[in-house]
Amino acid sequence: MFKVGILGSDNSHALAFSKLVNLRDEKTGEYLFPDVRIVGIYGHDREQTEKVAKEGNLEFVADKPEDLMGKVDAVMVVFRHGNLHAQYALPFIKAGIPTWIDKPFTIKKEDALKLIEAADAGNVLVTGGSTNKYLPDVIELKNSVENDPEMGSILTGALSYTSYLDNEYGGIYFYGPHLVEMTMAVFGYDAKSVYAKTDGRNINAIVGYDRYNVVMNFIDSWRGYFGIVHGSKKTVAREINTADGYRLGFEKFAEMLRTGRRPFSLDKLLMPTIMLNALDRSMKTGREVLLADI
């Protein structure tokens, strides 16, 4: 049985993951992950942390993050503010403990590099980011780009998602990672540039690849998510259903624990942070920003 600890109780993800893993499925009466339990949690707000522990059927609330050491086999860092992720994840990675880091992986590139270098040096299992990249509709769009000969040459594409810029958790870095990671999952992690324009609530961003450009539409308070891929012979458009994201994301985490292999390379954890940094800079300067300059 893999015992998992959570760092951060302010995010709805803490309770969502706890219920997903610790409570029996209402339809089958079985546990979705019979070999994994989330057993403990640390959070800044004691009352909120105890509430998550009670509703999520967790065994204990830690007084300090280090209290999880020796009691868990892995941790999930899910604080809402991405600037907190590195400081809480790094001690566990340095201790060799498999770690999930929620979106955004980090806000600062230097923080992401610290985590990646520590994981690489110790050959530690690390994964995370937005679970939306695992959604079936996103995978279908990805397959249209990579594996569908009927598409012809890919000409362009676009994805739309919520922006929710007015927040205290880093602005674009709070909800922005979802769309950035979905875009990279579909069109590739080798984007070269981004040019973004915002009216303060919505963002339209052109992402430059070697062979085509695609558009990311961050739309305020939007609850309909869409993707489209235009090929020279065919166009594919899909509404993106996000309902199963938590399960699909945790499946990757559980698979990592079972197999001892990361779901994808460490550089793919870094690239969304670089893209978000470039996007932020482009919005502030009104200019195209090369990702190589970040």
Protein backbone atom coordinates (compact mmCIF):
# COMPACT_ATOMS: atom_id res chain seq x y z
CA MET A 1 0.00 0.00 0.00
CA PHE A 2 1.40 3.38 -1.03
CA LYS A 3 0.82 6.03 1.63
CA VAL A 4 0.55 9.58 0.28
CA GLY A 5 0.69 12.92 2.09
CA ILE A 6 -0.74 16.22 0.86
CA LEU A 7 0.90 19.63 1.28
CA GLY A 8 -1.64 22.44 0.94
CA SER A 9 -5.27 22.41 2.05
CA ASP A 10 -6.42 25.71 0.53
CA ASN A 11 -6.91 24.21 -2.92
CA SER A 12 -10.06 22.29 -3.84
CA HIS A 13 -7.70 19.74 -5.36
CA ALA A 14 -6.70 18.55 -1.87
CA LEU A 15 -10.21 17.37 -1.06
CA ALA A 16 -10.92 16.19 -4.59
CA PHE A 17 -7.89 13.88 -4.64
CA SER A 18 -8.57 12.68 -1.09
CA LYS A 19 -12.17 11.71 -1.88
CA LEU A 20 -11.14 10.14 -5.18
CA VAL A 21 -8.63 7.85 -3.47
CA ASN A 22 -9.98 7.28 0.05
CA LEU A 23 -13.72 6.91 -0.52
CA ARG A 24 -15.33 3.96 -2.25
CA ASP A 25 -16.81 4.51 -5.67
CA GLU A 26 -20.55 5.14 -5.33
CA LYS A 27 -21.41 2.93 -8.31
CA THR A 28 -19.16 -0.07 -7.71
CA GLY A 29 -18.54 0.10 -3.96
CA GLU A 30 -14.84 -0.45 -4.69
CA TYR A 31 -11.79 1.78 -4.28
CA LEU A 32 -10.55 3.25 -7.55
CA PHE A 33 -6.96 2.88 -6.32
CA PRO A 34 -6.90 -0.09 -3.94
CA ASP A 35 -3.12 0.07 -3.51
CA VAL A 36 -2.97 3.80 -2.62
CA ARG A 37 -4.27 5.84 0.32
CA ILE A 38 -3.87 9.51 1.12
CA VAL A 39 -3.15 9.38 4.84
CA GLY A 40 -2.01 12.81 6.02
CA ILE A 41 -2.12 16.51 5.20
CA TYR A 42 -0.40 19.77 6.10
CA GLY A 43 -1.95 23.17 5.49
CA HIS A 44 -1.61 26.76 6.62
CA ASP A 45 -5.18 27.09 7.91
CA ARG A 46 -5.71 24.50 10.64
CA GLU A 47 -9.50 24.63 10.49
CA GLN A 48 -9.57 24.17 6.72
CA THR A 49 -6.97 21.42 6.92
CA GLU A 50 -8.96 19.50 9.52
CA LYS A 51 -12.08 19.90 7.37
CA VAL A 52 -10.31 18.32 4.38
CA ALA A 53 -8.96 15.53 6.60
CA LYS A 54 -12.42 14.74 7.94
CA GLU A 55 -14.26 14.84 4.63
CA GLY A 56 -11.47 13.03 2.79
CA ASN A 57 -11.03 10.33 5.44
CA LEU A 58 -7.39 11.14 6.15
CA GLU A 59 -5.70 9.65 9.20
CA PHE A 60 -3.82 12.69 10.52
CA VAL A 61 -3.15 16.41 10.22
CA ALA A 62 0.53 17.37 10.36
CA ASP A 63 1.65 20.32 12.47
CA LYS A 64 4.67 20.86 10.21
CA PRO A 65 5.46 19.70 6.67
CA GLU A 66 8.38 17.63 7.94
CA ASP A 67 5.97 15.64 10.12
CA LEU A 68 5.02 13.79 6.93
CA MET A 69 8.57 12.47 6.61
CA GLY A 70 8.74 8.82 7.58
CA LYS A 71 4.95 8.46 7.50
CA VAL A 72 4.36 8.60 3.75
CA ASP A 73 5.79 7.02 0.63
CA ALA A 74 4.98 10.00 -1.60
CA VAL A 75 3.60 13.56 -1.43
CA MET A 76 1.35 15.81 -3.47
CA VAL A 77 2.05 19.56 -3.32
CA VAL A 78 -1.23 21.32 -4.15
CA PHE A 79 -1.04 24.84 -2.69
CA ARG A 80 -3.06 27.26 -4.80
CA HIS A 81 -0.19 29.74 -5.19
CA GLY A 82 2.54 28.41 -7.43
CA ASN A 83 5.20 30.41 -5.62
CA LEU A 84 4.79 28.04 -2.66
CA HIS A 85 5.42 24.85 -4.60
CA ALA A 86 9.21 24.82 -4.74
CA GLN A 87 9.83 25.51 -1.04
CA TYR A 88 7.50 22.72 0.06
CA ALA A 89 8.41 20.18 -2.62
CA LEU A 90 12.19 20.54 -2.54
CA PRO A 91 12.85 18.97 0.90
CA PHE A 92 10.86 15.88 -0.08
CA ILE A 93 12.56 15.57 -3.45
CA LYS A 94 15.96 15.90 -1.79
CA ALA A 95 14.88 13.14 0.61
CA GLY A 96 14.15 10.89 -2.38
CA ILE A 97 10.38 10.89 -1.89
CA PRO A 98 8.22 10.67 -5.05
CA THR A 99 6.46 14.00 -5.52
CA TRP A 100 3.46 15.33 -7.41
CA ILE A 101 3.50 19.12 -7.92
CA ASP A 102 0.19 20.65 -8.95
CA LYS A 103 -0.31 23.38 -11.54
CA PRO A 104 1.50 25.61 -11.94
CA PHE A 105 4.61 23.49 -11.46
CA THR A 106 6.23 26.77 -10.41
CA ILE A 107 5.83 30.42 -11.29
CA LYS A 108 9.54 31.22 -11.46
CA LYS A 109 11.83 29.44 -13.90
CA GLU A 110 14.63 29.33 -11.33
CA ASP A 111 12.34 27.47 -8.91
CA ALA A 112 11.43 24.94 -11.58
CA LEU A 113 15.12 24.39 -12.34
CA LYS A 114 15.90 23.78 -8.66
CA LEU A 115 13.23 21.08 -8.49
CA ILE A 116 14.27 19.46 -11.75
CA GLU A 117 17.97 19.50 -10.87
CA ALA A 118 17.24 17.91 -7.48
CA ALA A 119 15.02 15.26 -9.07
CA ASP A 120 17.61 14.54 -11.74
CA ALA A 121 20.50 14.38 -9.26
CA GLY A 122 18.69 11.90 -7.01
CA ASN A 123 16.81 10.07 -9.78
CA VAL A 124 13.63 10.92 -7.87
CA LEU A 125 10.14 10.36 -9.25
CA VAL A 126 8.52 13.74 -9.92
CA THR A 127 5.47 14.63 -11.98
CA GLY A 128 2.43 16.90 -11.89
CA GLY A 129 1.07 19.99 -13.59
CA SER A 130 -2.42 20.30 -15.04
CA THR A 131 -4.40 17.08 -15.21
CA ASN A 132 -6.21 18.48 -18.26
CA LYS A 133 -3.43 17.29 -20.55
CA TYR A 134 -4.69 13.73 -19.97
CA LEU A 135 -8.30 14.39 -20.97
CA PRO A 136 -9.63 12.14 -23.76
CA ASP A 137 -10.61 15.10 -25.94
CA VAL A 138 -7.12 16.58 -25.61
CA ILE A 139 -5.60 13.22 -26.53
CA GLU A 140 -7.88 13.01 -29.57
CA LEU A 141 -6.74 16.46 -30.72
CA LYS A 142 -3.13 15.42 -30.17
CA ASN A 143 -3.71 12.32 -32.30
CA SER A 144 -5.15 14.50 -35.05
CA VAL A 145 -1.89 16.46 -35.11
CA GLU A 146 0.48 13.51 -34.84
CA ASN A 147 -1.20 10.36 -36.13
CA ASP A 148 -4.03 11.11 -38.57
CA PRO A 149 -2.87 10.92 -42.21
CA GLU A 150 -6.25 12.25 -43.34
CA MET A 151 -5.38 15.65 -41.82
CA GLY A 152 -2.71 16.39 -44.39
CA SER A 153 -0.30 19.11 -43.29
CA ILE A 154 -1.19 20.89 -40.06
CA LEU A 155 -1.94 24.53 -40.87
CA THR A 156 -3.04 26.03 -37.56
CA GLY A 157 -5.25 25.42 -34.54
CA ALA A 158 -6.74 26.98 -31.43
CA LEU A 159 -7.76 26.07 -27.90
CA SER A 160 -9.99 28.00 -25.50
CA TYR A 161 -10.16 27.90 -21.71
CA THR A 162 -10.99 30.03 -18.69
CA SER A 163 -8.64 32.94 -17.89
CA TYR A 164 -9.77 34.11 -14.42
CA LEU A 165 -7.00 36.72 -14.21
CA ASP A 166 -8.44 38.55 -11.21
CA ASN A 167 -7.10 36.36 -8.41
CA GLU A 168 -4.54 36.47 -5.59
CA TYR A 169 -2.68 33.38 -6.72
CA GLY A 170 -0.42 34.81 -9.40
CA GLY A 171 -2.87 36.12 -12.01
CA ILE A 172 -2.30 34.22 -15.26
CA TYR A 173 -0.31 31.58 -13.36
CA PHE A 174 -3.42 30.33 -11.52
CA TYR A 175 -5.70 29.12 -14.33
CA GLY A 176 -3.34 29.74 -17.23
CA PRO A 177 -1.38 26.50 -16.81
CA HIS A 178 -4.42 24.46 -17.85
CA LEU A 179 -4.59 25.98 -21.33
CA VAL A 180 -0.82 26.17 -21.75
CA GLU A 181 -0.38 22.49 -20.92
CA MET A 182 -3.32 21.46 -23.09
CA THR A 183 -1.83 23.41 -26.00
CA MET A 184 1.58 21.82 -25.54
CA ALA A 185 0.06 18.37 -25.17
CA VAL A 186 -1.73 18.79 -28.51
CA PHE A 187 0.80 20.70 -30.59
CA GLY A 188 4.10 19.88 -28.88
CA TYR A 189 6.50 21.15 -26.25
CA ASP A 190 8.81 22.70 -28.85
CA ALA A 191 7.05 26.07 -29.18
CA LYS A 192 9.40 28.88 -30.19
CA SER A 193 7.56 32.10 -29.30
CA VAL A 194 4.40 33.71 -28.02
CA TYR A 195 2.70 37.02 -28.73
CA ALA A 196 -0.14 37.93 -26.37
CA LYS A 197 -2.68 40.71 -26.22
CA THR A 198 -5.07 41.30 -23.33
CA ASP A 199 -7.94 43.60 -22.49
CA GLY A 200 -7.37 42.94 -18.79
CA ARG A 201 -9.82 40.06 -18.62
CA ASN A 202 -9.27 38.02 -21.77
CA ILE A 203 -6.05 37.03 -23.53
CA ASN A 204 -5.44 36.05 -27.14
CA ALA A 205 -2.00 34.52 -27.59
CA ILE A 206 -0.34 33.37 -30.82
CA VAL A 207 2.09 30.53 -30.19
CA GLY A 208 4.77 30.14 -32.83
CA TYR A 209 6.01 26.71 -33.88
CA ASP A 210 8.47 25.94 -36.66
CA ARG A 211 5.79 24.94 -39.19
CA TYR A 212 2.65 26.78 -38.04
CA ASN A 213 1.11 29.09 -35.46
CA VAL A 214 -1.69 28.23 -33.02
CA VAL A 215 -3.87 30.39 -30.81
CA MET A 216 -4.58 30.16 -27.09
CA ASN A 217 -7.78 31.97 -26.08
CA PHE A 218 -8.00 32.68 -22.35
CA ILE A 219 -11.61 33.81 -21.78
CA ASP A 220 -12.83 35.33 -18.52
CA SER A 221 -15.47 33.34 -16.61
CA TRP A 222 -15.77 30.94 -19.54
CA ARG A 223 -17.04 27.45 -18.84
CA GLY A 224 -17.00 25.99 -22.34
CA TYR A 225 -13.67 24.53 -23.44
CA PHE A 226 -12.86 23.93 -27.10
CA GLY A 227 -10.08 22.79 -29.38
CA ILE A 228 -9.70 22.89 -33.14
CA VAL A 229 -7.01 21.64 -35.51
CA HIS A 230 -6.93 22.74 -39.16
CA GLY A 231 -5.16 20.49 -41.60
CA SER A 232 -4.74 20.93 -45.34
CA LYS A 233 -7.25 18.12 -45.95
CA LYS A 234 -9.40 18.03 -42.83
CA THR A 235 -10.47 20.04 -39.78
CA VAL A 236 -11.14 18.52 -36.37
CA ALA A 237 -13.06 20.41 -33.69
CA ARG A 238 -13.95 19.13 -30.23
CA GLU A 239 -15.62 20.40 -27.11
CA ILE A 240 -13.29 19.44 -24.26
CA ASN A 241 -14.92 17.64 -21.34
CA THR A 242 -12.91 18.22 -18.13
CA ALA A 243 -15.06 16.09 -15.82
CA ASP A 244 -12.61 13.21 -15.37
CA GLY A 245 -9.41 15.19 -14.95
CA TYR A 246 -8.67 14.33 -11.32
CA ARG A 247 -8.93 10.59 -11.91
CA LEU A 248 -6.84 10.63 -15.06
CA GLY A 249 -4.17 12.74 -13.40
CA PHE A 250 -4.01 10.56 -10.31
CA GLU A 251 -3.81 7.46 -12.48
CA LYS A 252 -0.53 8.80 -13.87
CA PHE A 253 0.74 9.49 -10.35
CA ALA A 254 -0.24 6.01 -9.13
CA GLU A 255 1.29 4.42 -12.22
CA MET A 256 4.53 6.28 -11.47
CA LEU A 257 4.57 4.90 -7.94
CA ARG A 258 3.91 1.35 -9.14
CA THR A 259 6.38 1.30 -12.01
CA GLY A 260 9.11 3.58 -10.69
CA ARG A 261 9.02 5.55 -13.95
CA ARG A 262 8.06 9.18 -14.55
CA PRO A 263 5.04 9.64 -16.87
CA PHE A 264 7.01 12.11 -18.98
CA SER A 265 10.39 13.81 -19.00
CA LEU A 266 11.39 16.54 -16.56
CA ASP A 267 11.83 19.09 -19.34
CA LYS A 268 8.09 18.80 -20.05
CA LEU A 269 7.47 20.00 -16.49
CA LEU A 270 9.70 23.00 -17.13
CA MET A 271 8.30 24.11 -20.51
CA PRO A 272 4.87 25.29 -19.28
CA THR A 273 6.59 27.56 -16.74
CA ILE A 274 8.75 29.02 -19.51
CA MET A 275 5.69 29.54 -21.71
CA LEU A 276 3.79 31.25 -18.90
CA ASN A 277 6.79 33.51 -18.20
CA ALA A 278 6.97 34.41 -21.89
CA LEU A 279 3.21 34.98 -22.05
CA ASP A 280 3.35 37.25 -19.01
CA ARG A 281 6.24 39.23 -20.50
CA SER A 282 4.46 39.56 -23.84
CA MET A 283 1.31 40.91 -22.18
CA LYS A 284 3.35 43.50 -20.30
CA THR A 285 5.54 44.59 -23.23
CA GLY A 286 3.12 44.17 -26.12
CA ARG A 287 5.81 42.29 -28.04
CA GLU A 288 6.47 38.79 -29.28
CA VAL A 289 8.68 36.92 -26.84
CA LEU A 290 11.02 34.08 -27.76
CA LEU A 291 10.89 31.20 -25.29
CA ALA A 292 14.67 30.86 -25.68
CA ASP A 293 15.00 34.33 -24.11
CA ILE A 294 13.25 33.32 -20.89
